[in-house]
């Protein structure tokens, strides 16, 4: 997923917050590919602001 790249870029820019747009995908797609938002919630040490 793009989550590691997002985290690396946020850390390189010394960001204080990551803002995400959340949108739904099918359960099957999410099970196979995983969700970027879910991965960031698990891995991100920075605060996340998620807008739907």
PDB file of N, CA and C in Angstrom:
ATOM      1  N   UNK A   1       0.837  -1.200   0.000  1.00  0.00           N
ATOM      2  CA  UNK A   1       0.000   0.000   0.000  1.00  0.00           C
ATOM      3  C   UNK A   1       0.871   1.248   0.000  1.00  0.00           C
ATOM      4  N   UNK A   2       0.287   2.377  -0.288  1.00  0.00           N
ATOM      5  CA  UNK A   2       1.031   3.634  -0.265  1.00  0.00           C
ATOM      6  C   UNK A   2       1.332   4.135   1.148  1.00  0.00           C
ATOM      7  N   UNK A   3       0.828   3.471   2.170  1.00  0.00           N
ATOM      8  CA  UNK A   3       0.993   3.958   3.541  1.00  0.00           C
ATOM      9  C   UNK A   3       2.452   4.221   3.916  1.00  0.00           C
ATOM     10  N   UNK A   4       3.393   3.314   3.649  1.00  0.00           N
ATOM     11  CA  UNK A   4       4.788   3.602   4.005  1.00  0.00           C
ATOM     12  C   UNK A   4       5.338   4.840   3.298  1.00  0.00           C
ATOM     13  N   UNK A   5       4.955   5.052   2.051  1.00  0.00           N
ATOM     14  CA  UNK A   5       5.416   6.238   1.315  1.00  0.00           C
ATOM     15  C   UNK A   5       4.820   7.509   1.906  1.00  0.00           C
ATOM     16  N   UNK A   6       3.557   7.450   2.307  1.00  0.00           N
ATOM     17  CA  UNK A   6       2.914   8.613   2.931  1.00  0.00           C
ATOM     18  C   UNK A   6       3.610   8.941   4.245  1.00  0.00           C
ATOM     19  N   UNK A   7       3.882   7.915   5.046  1.00  0.00           N
ATOM     20  CA  UNK A   7       4.565   8.130   6.323  1.00  0.00           C
ATOM     21  C   UNK A   7       5.964   8.698   6.122  1.00  0.00           C
ATOM     22  N   UNK A   8       6.699   8.145   5.167  1.00  0.00           N
ATOM     23  CA  UNK A   8       8.061   8.624   4.913  1.00  0.00           C
ATOM     24  C   UNK A   8       8.052  10.080   4.471  1.00  0.00           C
ATOM     25  N   UNK A   9       7.123  10.432   3.602  1.00  0.00           N
ATOM     26  CA  UNK A   9       7.046  11.816   3.112  1.00  0.00           C
ATOM     27  C   UNK A   9       6.647  12.762   4.237  1.00  0.00           C
ATOM     28  N   UNK A  10       5.692  12.360   5.062  1.00  0.00           N
ATOM     29  CA  UNK A  10       5.262  13.200   6.182  1.00  0.00           C
ATOM     30  C   UNK A  10       6.411  13.425   7.163  1.00  0.00           C
ATOM     31  N   UNK A  11       7.192  12.385   7.422  1.00  0.00           N
ATOM     32  CA  UNK A  11       8.328  12.528   8.329  1.00  0.00           C
ATOM     33  C   UNK A  11       9.420  13.384   7.706  1.00  0.00           C
ATOM     34  N   UNK A  12       9.652  13.234   6.401  1.00  0.00           N
ATOM     35  CA  UNK A  12      10.671  14.041   5.719  1.00  0.00           C
ATOM     36  C   UNK A  12      10.309  15.524   5.741  1.00  0.00           C
ATOM     37  N   UNK A  13       9.020  15.812   5.663  1.00  0.00           N
ATOM     38  CA  UNK A  13       8.548  17.203   5.685  1.00  0.00           C
ATOM     39  C   UNK A  13       8.299  17.717   7.103  1.00  0.00           C
ATOM     40  N   UNK A  14       8.537  16.861   8.097  1.00  0.00           N
ATOM     41  CA  UNK A  14       8.316  17.189   9.505  1.00  0.00           C
ATOM     42  C   UNK A  14       6.879  17.664   9.753  1.00  0.00           C
ATOM     43  N   UNK A  15       5.936  16.916   9.202  1.00  0.00           N
ATOM     44  CA  UNK A  15       4.518  17.248   9.353  1.00  0.00           C
ATOM     45  C   UNK A  15       4.055  16.985  10.782  1.00  0.00           C
ATOM     46  N   UNK A  16       3.075  17.755  11.201  1.00  0.00           N
ATOM     47  CA  UNK A  16       2.464  17.573  12.516  1.00  0.00           C
ATOM     48  C   UNK A  16       1.160  16.790  12.432  1.00  0.00           C
ATOM     49  N   UNK A  17       0.617  16.645  11.235  1.00  0.00           N
ATOM     50  CA  UNK A  17      -0.704  16.056  11.038  1.00  0.00           C
ATOM     51  C   UNK A  17      -0.792  15.531   9.609  1.00  0.00           C
ATOM     52  N   UNK A  18      -1.495  14.420   9.446  1.00  0.00           N
ATOM     53  CA  UNK A  18      -1.791  13.904   8.108  1.00  0.00           C
ATOM     54  C   UNK A  18      -3.300  13.979   7.920  1.00  0.00           C
ATOM     55  N   UNK A  19      -3.719  14.563   6.808  1.00  0.00           N
ATOM     56  CA  UNK A  19      -5.140  14.681   6.475  1.00  0.00           C
ATOM     57  C   UNK A  19      -5.448  13.693   5.359  1.00  0.00           C
ATOM     58  N   UNK A  20      -6.487  12.881   5.572  1.00  0.00           N
ATOM     59  CA  UNK A  20      -6.867  11.850   4.607  1.00  0.00           C
ATOM     60  C   UNK A  20      -8.310  12.037   4.180  1.00  0.00           C
ATOM     61  N   UNK A  21      -8.593  11.663   2.959  1.00  0.00           N
ATOM     62  CA  UNK A  21      -9.975  11.557   2.506  1.00  0.00           C
ATOM     63  C   UNK A  21     -10.353  10.088   2.512  1.00  0.00           C
ATOM     64  N   UNK A  22     -11.375   9.729   3.260  1.00  0.00           N
ATOM     65  CA  UNK A  22     -11.797   8.328   3.346  1.00  0.00           C
ATOM     66  C   UNK A  22     -12.951   8.095   2.382  1.00  0.00           C
ATOM     67  N   UNK A  23     -12.847   7.025   1.632  1.00  0.00           N
ATOM     68  CA  UNK A  23     -13.946   6.643   0.759  1.00  0.00           C
ATOM     69  C   UNK A  23     -14.020   5.136   0.752  1.00  0.00           C
ATOM     70  N   UNK A  24     -15.192   4.618   0.535  1.00  0.00           N
ATOM     71  CA  UNK A  24     -15.406   3.183   0.645  1.00  0.00           C
ATOM     72  C   UNK A  24     -14.985   2.418  -0.591  1.00  0.00           C
ATOM     73  N   UNK A  25     -14.600   1.188  -0.369  1.00  0.00           N
ATOM     74  CA  UNK A  25     -14.350   0.253  -1.457  1.00  0.00           C
ATOM     75  C   UNK A  25     -15.015  -1.055  -1.061  1.00  0.00           C
ATOM     76  N   UNK A  26     -15.102  -1.963  -1.984  1.00  0.00           N
ATOM     77  CA  UNK A  26     -15.762  -3.225  -1.675  1.00  0.00           C
ATOM     78  C   UNK A  26     -14.972  -3.986  -0.611  1.00  0.00           C
ATOM     79  N   UNK A  27     -15.669  -4.800   0.131  1.00  0.00           N
ATOM     80  CA  UNK A  27     -15.018  -5.608   1.174  1.00  0.00           C
ATOM     81  C   UNK A  27     -13.960  -6.525   0.567  1.00  0.00           C
ATOM     82  N   UNK A  28     -14.258  -7.103  -0.577  1.00  0.00           N
ATOM     83  CA  UNK A  28     -13.304  -8.006  -1.217  1.00  0.00           C
ATOM     84  C   UNK A  28     -12.032  -7.266  -1.607  1.00  0.00           C
ATOM     85  N   UNK A  29     -12.178  -6.099  -2.208  1.00  0.00           N
ATOM     86  CA  UNK A  29     -11.005  -5.309  -2.592  1.00  0.00           C
ATOM     87  C   UNK A  29     -10.182  -4.954  -1.369  1.00  0.00           C
ATOM     88  N   UNK A  30     -10.851  -4.541  -0.309  1.00  0.00           N
ATOM     89  CA  UNK A  30     -10.122  -4.162   0.902  1.00  0.00           C
ATOM     90  C   UNK A  30      -9.436  -5.366   1.538  1.00  0.00           C
ATOM     91  N   UNK A  31     -10.074  -6.541   1.501  1.00  0.00           N
ATOM     92  CA  UNK A  31      -9.454  -7.733   2.073  1.00  0.00           C
ATOM     93  C   UNK A  31      -8.215  -8.134   1.280  1.00  0.00           C
ATOM     94  N   UNK A  32      -8.276  -8.016  -0.035  1.00  0.00           N
ATOM     95  CA  UNK A  32      -7.156  -8.422  -0.878  1.00  0.00           C
ATOM     96  C   UNK A  32      -6.029  -7.399  -0.835  1.00  0.00           C
ATOM     97  N   UNK A  33      -6.367  -6.128  -1.000  1.00  0.00           N
ATOM     98  CA  UNK A  33      -5.353  -5.090  -1.104  1.00  0.00           C
ATOM     99  C   UNK A  33      -5.066  -4.375   0.206  1.00  0.00           C
ATOM    100  N   UNK A  34      -5.979  -4.446   1.143  1.00  0.00           N
ATOM    101  CA  UNK A  34      -5.826  -3.694   2.382  1.00  0.00           C
ATOM    102  C   UNK A  34      -6.253  -2.259   2.175  1.00  0.00           C
ATOM    103  N   UNK A  35      -6.446  -1.534   3.243  1.00  0.00           N
ATOM    104  CA  UNK A  35      -6.852  -0.147   3.128  1.00  0.00           C
ATOM    105  C   UNK A  35      -5.729   0.767   3.582  1.00  0.00           C
ATOM    106  N   UNK A  36      -5.482   1.805   2.811  1.00  0.00           N
ATOM    107  CA  UNK A  36      -4.439   2.769   3.174  1.00  0.00           C
ATOM    108  C   UNK A  36      -4.786   3.427   4.499  1.00  0.00           C
ATOM    109  N   UNK A  37      -6.050   3.827   4.654  1.00  0.00           N
ATOM    110  CA  UNK A  37      -6.469   4.470   5.901  1.00  0.00           C
ATOM    111  C   UNK A  37      -6.246   3.542   7.085  1.00  0.00           C
ATOM    112  N   UNK A  38      -6.638   2.285   6.926  1.00  0.00           N
ATOM    113  CA  UNK A  38      -6.468   1.311   8.014  1.00  0.00           C
ATOM    114  C   UNK A  38      -4.993   1.115   8.334  1.00  0.00           C
ATOM    115  N   UNK A  39      -4.159   1.025   7.312  1.00  0.00           N
ATOM    116  CA  UNK A  39      -2.718   0.857   7.531  1.00  0.00           C
ATOM    117  C   UNK A  39      -2.133   2.063   8.252  1.00  0.00           C
ATOM    118  N   UNK A  40      -2.570   3.257   7.879  1.00  0.00           N
ATOM    119  CA  UNK A  40      -2.060   4.453   8.547  1.00  0.00           C
ATOM    120  C   UNK A  40      -2.517   4.507  10.001  1.00  0.00           C
ATOM    121  N   UNK A  41      -3.757   4.099  10.272  1.00  0.00           N
ATOM    122  CA  UNK A  41      -4.207   4.065  11.664  1.00  0.00           C
ATOM    123  C   UNK A  41      -3.338   3.132  12.499  1.00  0.00           C
ATOM    124  N   UNK A  42      -2.899   2.026  11.915  1.00  0.00           N
ATOM    125  CA  UNK A  42      -2.055   1.078  12.645  1.00  0.00           C
ATOM    126  C   UNK A  42      -0.630   1.579  12.819  1.00  0.00           C
ATOM    127  N   UNK A  43      -0.063   2.225  11.799  1.00  0.00           N
ATOM    128  CA  UNK A  43       1.373   2.491  11.759  1.00  0.00           C
ATOM    129  C   UNK A  43       1.788   3.928  12.033  1.00  0.00           C
ATOM    130  N   UNK A  44       0.883   4.867  11.902  1.00  0.00           N
ATOM    131  CA  UNK A  44       1.269   6.276  11.905  1.00  0.00           C
ATOM    132  C   UNK A  44       1.439   6.831  13.321  1.00  0.00           C
ATOM    133  N   UNK A  45       2.601   7.400  13.625  1.00  0.00           N
ATOM    134  CA  UNK A  45       2.804   8.025  14.926  1.00  0.00           C
ATOM    135  C   UNK A  45       2.227   9.443  14.986  1.00  0.00           C
ATOM    136  N   UNK A  46       1.843   9.983  13.836  1.00  0.00           N
ATOM    137  CA  UNK A  46       1.288  11.338  13.779  1.00  0.00           C
ATOM    138  C   UNK A  46      -0.231  11.299  13.913  1.00  0.00           C
ATOM    139  N   UNK A  47      -0.833  12.396  14.358  1.00  0.00           N
ATOM    140  CA  UNK A  47      -2.293  12.464  14.370  1.00  0.00           C
ATOM    141  C   UNK A  47      -2.835  12.401  12.939  1.00  0.00           C
ATOM    142  N   UNK A  48      -4.001  11.771  12.790  1.00  0.00           N
ATOM    143  CA  UNK A  48      -4.663  11.675  11.496  1.00  0.00           C
ATOM    144  C   UNK A  48      -5.998  12.398  11.559  1.00  0.00           C
ATOM    145  N   UNK A  49      -6.298  13.172  10.532  1.00  0.00           N
ATOM    146  CA  UNK A  49      -7.611  13.796  10.375  1.00  0.00           C
ATOM    147  C   UNK A  49      -8.226  13.158   9.145  1.00  0.00           C
ATOM    148  N   UNK A  50      -9.331  12.430   9.345  1.00  0.00           N
ATOM    149  CA  UNK A  50      -9.961  11.709   8.247  1.00  0.00           C
ATOM    150  C   UNK A  50     -11.300  12.355   7.934  1.00  0.00           C
ATOM    151  N   UNK A  51     -11.478  12.766   6.677  1.00  0.00           N
ATOM    152  CA  UNK A  51     -12.733  13.364   6.221  1.00  0.00           C
ATOM    153  C   UNK A  51     -13.399  12.401   5.250  1.00  0.00           C
ATOM    154  N   UNK A  52     -14.713  12.308   5.367  1.00  0.00           N
ATOM    155  CA  UNK A  52     -15.454  11.403   4.481  1.00  0.00           C
ATOM    156  C   UNK A  52     -16.307  12.224   3.550  1.00  0.00           C
TER     157      UNK A  52
END
